[in-house]
Amino acid sequence: MEIIKEPGQHGVFLFKVTIPKEDVKHAREHVVGELSKGAKLAGFRPGHAPRELVEEHLDDSKVYGEVINHLIPDVFAHIQAEHPLEVITGPKVKLLKFEPGSDLTLAVTLITKPQVVLGNWQEKLSGITKKEAALDKLVETTTIDLPEQLVEEERDRMLSRLIQQLTQLGLELTAYVASQNKTVEQLKEEYAKQAVKSLKLHYLLDKLVEDCKIEVSEEEIQAAISAAPDEKSREALAEEEQKWYIKLVLARNKVLDLIYSQIPKEKEGVSKEEVRS
């Protein structure tokens, strides 16, 4: 497998990957074998039709789409072995060149964790008297190099949530936008700005978790799981992936407490800011 690193910027890394035709052939054989197991052809029980006959009825475009999906984990592993990166999203893959019986060439885009230049955050809070203003001040004065693709993904995630909420109310996006005297493009621009702020806060808090050496104990995680309202929820939260998320949220909440401790106490309490998952 040949991997060529292409020029990239803002935490985005581009790779041109060429997979030998022998590996492509093996992957195709595996995919066809898997598809044959559930194939339904007239005159045969499901999964019992001859492989050669099943292959004749398969859509080549679908087969090679599955071949690429099958190869991606191995491609990603090879890239990481040669170029270790802290990747935060799944690889974006584009087919560059392929003909049956030949090598396969892909373009792979990886987005890495943004670099955060925080500086003396306590000094930045000097003179701040409102908790909400503290977070705004830190976001405004911290340098975070956000990849454009990451902002677009967060914007689209936020828009999807809005569309889902509107659908539940029986409304369409175009009608909602018109009622706000805006265009869809204006709404997308607004959400892009919100996405930037949300992402910056997200990575700012994670940087503080790291710099301040914030720890979350297993006991704290278990206490959060136990606080769930029912047994089904507790079982779901006990999964390793969910426990990781709980640990992340608890660590960020500790950082928020640390930030707020720098602000003079107000007469009325302010709840913790909602942070992006």
Protein backbone atom coordinates (compact mmCIF):
# COMPACT_ATOMS: atom_id res chain seq x y z
CA MET A 1 0.00 0.00 0.00
CA GLU A 2 1.44 3.35 -1.06
CA ILE A 3 0.60 6.40 1.04
CA ILE A 4 1.52 9.91 -0.08
CA LYS A 5 0.87 12.82 2.24
CA GLU A 6 -0.54 15.84 0.42
CA PRO A 7 -0.36 19.49 1.61
CA GLY A 8 -3.06 20.40 4.15
CA GLN A 9 -3.88 23.18 6.58
CA HIS A 10 -5.87 24.02 9.73
CA GLY A 11 -5.59 20.52 11.16
CA VAL A 12 -6.74 18.84 7.93
CA PHE A 13 -4.46 16.15 6.51
CA LEU A 14 -4.80 14.78 2.99
CA PHE A 15 -3.45 11.44 1.80
CA LYS A 16 -3.33 9.78 -1.59
CA VAL A 17 -3.53 6.03 -1.04
CA THR A 18 -2.90 3.39 -3.69
CA ILE A 19 -4.05 -0.13 -2.84
CA PRO A 20 -2.47 -2.98 -4.87
CA LYS A 21 -4.82 -4.86 -7.16
CA GLU A 22 -4.11 -8.11 -5.27
CA ASP A 23 -5.50 -6.59 -2.05
CA VAL A 24 -8.48 -5.23 -3.95
CA LYS A 25 -9.13 -8.70 -5.38
CA HIS A 26 -9.02 -10.32 -1.94
CA ALA A 27 -11.36 -7.68 -0.54
CA ARG A 28 -13.77 -8.21 -3.41
CA GLU A 29 -13.78 -11.97 -2.86
CA HIS A 30 -14.61 -11.40 0.79
CA VAL A 31 -17.42 -8.96 -0.02
CA VAL A 32 -18.93 -11.24 -2.66
CA GLY A 33 -18.74 -14.13 -0.22
CA GLU A 34 -20.61 -12.13 2.42
CA LEU A 35 -23.25 -10.97 -0.08
CA SER A 36 -23.71 -14.54 -1.28
CA LYS A 37 -24.69 -15.68 2.20
CA GLY A 38 -27.94 -13.74 2.10
CA ALA A 39 -28.57 -13.80 -1.65
CA LYS A 40 -32.04 -14.84 -2.81
CA LEU A 41 -32.23 -16.33 -6.30
CA ALA A 42 -35.12 -18.18 -7.88
CA GLY A 43 -34.79 -21.95 -7.47
CA PHE A 44 -32.41 -21.75 -4.50
CA ARG A 45 -32.85 -21.43 -0.78
CA PRO A 46 -31.59 -18.07 0.60
CA GLY A 47 -27.82 -18.22 0.87
CA HIS A 48 -27.48 -21.50 -1.06
CA ALA A 49 -27.18 -20.25 -4.64
CA PRO A 50 -23.81 -20.92 -6.34
CA ARG A 51 -21.38 -18.09 -5.78
CA GLU A 52 -20.70 -17.67 -9.49
CA LEU A 53 -24.42 -17.28 -10.19
CA VAL A 54 -24.86 -14.81 -7.33
CA GLU A 55 -21.95 -12.73 -8.62
CA GLU A 56 -23.60 -12.43 -12.02
CA HIS A 57 -26.62 -10.78 -10.40
CA LEU A 58 -24.69 -8.35 -8.22
CA ASP A 59 -24.47 -4.63 -8.98
CA ASP A 60 -20.77 -3.91 -9.57
CA SER A 61 -21.06 -0.36 -8.24
CA LYS A 62 -22.56 -1.67 -5.00
CA VAL A 63 -19.94 -4.40 -4.75
CA TYR A 64 -17.01 -2.01 -5.12
CA GLY A 65 -18.63 0.43 -2.74
CA GLU A 66 -18.61 -2.37 -0.18
CA VAL A 67 -15.04 -3.26 -1.17
CA ILE A 68 -13.91 0.29 -0.37
CA ASN A 69 -15.79 0.19 2.95
CA HIS A 70 -14.06 -3.11 3.73
CA LEU A 71 -10.63 -1.67 2.94
CA ILE A 72 -10.99 1.62 4.85
CA PRO A 73 -10.08 0.28 8.34
CA ASP A 74 -6.86 -1.18 6.95
CA VAL A 75 -6.11 2.02 5.03
CA PHE A 76 -6.67 4.09 8.18
CA ALA A 77 -4.42 1.77 10.21
CA HIS A 78 -1.62 2.11 7.65
CA ILE A 79 -1.92 5.90 7.63
CA GLN A 80 -1.82 6.04 11.42
CA ALA A 81 1.22 3.74 11.48
CA GLU A 82 3.16 6.05 9.17
CA HIS A 83 1.65 9.36 10.34
CA PRO A 84 0.29 9.11 13.92
CA LEU A 85 -2.50 11.68 14.26
CA GLU A 86 -5.11 12.55 16.89
CA VAL A 87 -8.06 12.17 14.55
CA ILE A 88 -11.45 13.42 15.79
CA THR A 89 -13.77 12.44 12.93
CA GLY A 90 -14.13 9.48 10.63
CA PRO A 91 -12.00 9.53 7.47
CA LYS A 92 -13.49 11.21 4.40
CA VAL A 93 -12.83 9.00 1.39
CA LYS A 94 -13.01 9.86 -2.30
CA LEU A 95 -12.41 7.44 -5.15
CA LEU A 96 -9.72 8.84 -7.48
CA LYS A 97 -8.98 6.00 -9.85
CA PHE A 98 -10.14 2.46 -10.32
CA GLU A 99 -10.72 -0.06 -13.06
CA PRO A 100 -11.53 -3.75 -12.47
CA GLY A 101 -8.32 -5.76 -12.21
CA SER A 102 -6.16 -2.71 -11.44
CA ASP A 103 -4.88 -0.83 -8.39
CA LEU A 104 -7.32 1.30 -6.43
CA THR A 105 -6.45 4.94 -5.66
CA LEU A 106 -8.24 6.87 -2.93
CA ALA A 107 -8.06 10.36 -1.49
CA VAL A 108 -8.38 10.22 2.30
CA THR A 109 -9.00 13.33 4.39
CA LEU A 110 -8.42 13.26 8.15
CA ILE A 111 -9.34 16.02 10.59
CA THR A 112 -7.24 16.28 13.73
CA LYS A 113 -7.86 17.85 17.09
CA PRO A 114 -7.48 21.65 16.83
CA GLN A 115 -4.49 23.30 18.45
CA VAL A 116 -5.43 25.53 21.38
CA VAL A 117 -3.26 28.45 22.50
CA LEU A 118 -4.74 29.44 25.84
CA GLY A 119 -2.18 31.56 27.65
CA ASN A 120 -2.80 32.75 31.23
CA TRP A 121 -6.54 32.17 31.49
CA GLN A 122 -6.81 33.52 35.05
CA GLU A 123 -5.45 36.89 33.94
CA LYS A 124 -7.99 37.01 31.12
CA LEU A 125 -10.78 36.86 33.71
CA SER A 126 -9.53 39.93 35.56
CA GLY A 127 -12.37 42.40 35.95
CA ILE A 128 -15.06 39.91 34.87
CA THR A 129 -18.08 39.94 37.20
CA LYS A 130 -20.54 37.70 35.36
CA LYS A 131 -20.14 33.96 34.89
CA GLU A 132 -21.59 34.05 31.40
CA ALA A 133 -19.11 36.77 30.44
CA ALA A 134 -16.23 34.66 31.72
CA LEU A 135 -16.78 31.99 29.10
CA ASP A 136 -17.26 34.57 26.35
CA LYS A 137 -14.01 36.26 27.37
CA LEU A 138 -12.05 33.02 27.29
CA VAL A 139 -13.48 32.02 23.92
CA GLU A 140 -12.74 35.45 22.43
CA THR A 141 -9.15 35.57 23.67
CA THR A 142 -8.09 31.99 23.03
CA THR A 143 -6.54 31.04 19.71
CA ILE A 144 -8.13 27.87 18.30
CA ASP A 145 -7.44 26.87 14.71
CA LEU A 146 -10.70 25.24 13.63
CA PRO A 147 -10.81 23.26 10.36
CA GLU A 148 -13.54 24.56 8.06
CA GLN A 149 -14.89 21.04 7.58
CA LEU A 150 -15.31 20.67 11.34
CA VAL A 151 -17.30 23.91 11.54
CA GLU A 152 -19.49 22.80 8.64
CA GLU A 153 -20.20 19.45 10.31
CA GLU A 154 -21.17 21.14 13.57
CA ARG A 155 -23.34 23.67 11.73
CA ASP A 156 -25.11 20.91 9.85
CA ARG A 157 -25.61 18.96 13.08
CA MET A 158 -27.26 21.98 14.66
CA LEU A 159 -29.42 22.58 11.58
CA SER A 160 -30.48 18.93 11.54
CA ARG A 161 -31.61 19.24 15.14
CA LEU A 162 -33.62 22.36 14.24
CA ILE A 163 -35.24 20.61 11.26
CA GLN A 164 -36.14 17.65 13.46
CA GLN A 165 -37.77 19.96 16.00
CA LEU A 166 -39.68 21.78 13.27
CA THR A 167 -40.85 18.48 11.80
CA GLN A 168 -42.22 17.44 15.17
CA LEU A 169 -44.21 20.68 15.19
CA GLY A 170 -45.45 20.07 11.65
CA LEU A 171 -43.43 22.95 10.22
CA GLU A 172 -41.10 23.19 7.23
CA LEU A 173 -37.74 24.92 7.31
CA THR A 174 -38.61 27.33 4.49
CA ALA A 175 -41.77 28.46 6.29
CA TYR A 176 -39.89 28.89 9.56
CA VAL A 177 -37.13 30.93 7.90
CA ALA A 178 -39.70 33.15 6.17
CA SER A 179 -41.44 33.78 9.49
CA GLN A 180 -38.10 35.04 10.85
CA ASN A 181 -37.65 37.37 7.86
CA LYS A 182 -34.49 35.52 6.88
CA THR A 183 -33.22 33.40 4.03
CA VAL A 184 -31.92 29.86 4.38
CA GLU A 185 -28.41 31.15 3.64
CA GLN A 186 -28.68 33.73 6.43
CA LEU A 187 -29.79 31.01 8.82
CA LYS A 188 -26.83 28.85 7.80
CA GLU A 189 -24.46 31.78 8.40
CA GLU A 190 -25.92 32.33 11.86
CA TYR A 191 -25.58 28.67 12.71
CA ALA A 192 -22.01 28.65 11.40
CA LYS A 193 -21.14 31.42 13.88
CA GLN A 194 -22.83 29.49 16.67
CA ALA A 195 -20.93 26.38 15.60
CA VAL A 196 -17.60 28.22 15.83
CA LYS A 197 -18.41 29.44 19.34
CA SER A 198 -19.61 26.00 20.44
CA LEU A 199 -16.53 24.25 19.07
CA LYS A 200 -14.15 26.80 20.58
CA LEU A 201 -15.75 26.37 23.99
CA HIS A 202 -15.60 22.61 23.59
CA TYR A 203 -11.86 22.53 22.86
CA LEU A 204 -11.08 25.32 25.31
CA LEU A 205 -12.61 23.31 28.15
CA ASP A 206 -10.79 20.15 27.06
CA LYS A 207 -7.51 22.07 27.03
CA LEU A 208 -8.15 23.28 30.56
CA VAL A 209 -8.98 19.73 31.64
CA GLU A 210 -5.57 18.73 30.35
CA ASP A 211 -3.60 21.73 31.65
CA CYS A 212 -5.23 21.71 35.08
CA LYS A 213 -4.87 17.93 35.33
CA ILE A 214 -8.54 17.44 36.13
CA GLU A 215 -9.31 13.89 37.26
CA VAL A 216 -12.63 12.04 37.41
CA SER A 217 -12.79 8.97 39.63
CA GLU A 218 -14.63 5.74 38.91
CA GLU A 219 -16.75 6.47 41.98
CA GLU A 220 -17.90 9.76 40.45
CA ILE A 221 -18.78 8.01 37.20
CA GLN A 222 -20.75 5.33 39.04
CA ALA A 223 -22.58 7.99 41.05
CA ALA A 224 -23.64 9.68 37.81
CA ILE A 225 -24.87 6.34 36.43
CA SER A 226 -26.79 5.61 39.62
CA ALA A 227 -28.53 8.97 39.31
CA ALA A 228 -30.27 7.82 36.13
CA PRO A 229 -34.07 7.58 36.58
CA ASP A 230 -34.55 3.90 35.67
CA GLU A 231 -32.72 0.59 35.35
CA LYS A 232 -32.74 0.61 31.54
CA SER A 233 -31.03 4.01 31.48
CA ARG A 234 -28.49 2.88 34.06
CA GLU A 235 -27.64 -0.20 32.00
CA ALA A 236 -27.16 1.93 28.89
CA LEU A 237 -24.92 4.39 30.74
CA ALA A 238 -22.81 1.53 32.09
CA GLU A 239 -21.55 0.78 28.55
CA GLU A 240 -17.89 1.71 28.12
CA GLU A 241 -18.57 4.31 25.43
CA GLN A 242 -21.18 6.01 27.60
CA LYS A 243 -18.89 5.89 30.62
CA TRP A 244 -16.27 7.68 28.55
CA TYR A 245 -18.83 10.38 27.71
CA ILE A 246 -19.87 10.71 31.38
CA LYS A 247 -16.23 11.13 32.37
CA LEU A 248 -15.81 13.83 29.74
CA VAL A 249 -18.86 15.77 30.92
CA LEU A 250 -17.87 15.51 34.59
CA ALA A 251 -14.36 16.74 33.78
CA ARG A 252 -15.72 19.72 31.86
CA ASN A 253 -18.08 20.54 34.72
CA LYS A 254 -15.12 20.55 37.09
CA VAL A 255 -13.34 22.98 34.78
CA LEU A 256 -16.42 25.19 34.70
CA ASP A 257 -16.44 25.21 38.51
CA LEU A 258 -12.77 26.19 38.42
CA ILE A 259 -13.48 29.03 35.99
CA TYR A 260 -16.46 30.27 37.97
CA SER A 261 -14.42 30.18 41.18
CA GLN A 262 -12.39 33.08 39.73
CA ILE A 263 -15.51 35.26 39.53
CA PRO A 264 -16.88 37.19 42.52
CA LYS A 265 -19.99 35.48 43.90
CA GLU A 266 -23.27 36.81 42.56
CA LYS A 267 -26.48 37.15 44.47
CA GLU A 268 -28.27 34.74 42.17
CA GLY A 269 -26.76 31.40 41.21
CA VAL A 270 -25.94 30.62 37.61
CA SER A 271 -26.13 27.06 36.33
CA LYS A 272 -23.30 25.53 34.40
CA GLU A 273 -23.17 26.30 30.72
CA GLU A 274 -24.26 23.54 28.41
CA VAL A 275 -21.20 22.18 26.64
CA ARG A 276 -21.01 20.36 23.34
CA SER A 277 -20.77 16.60 23.51
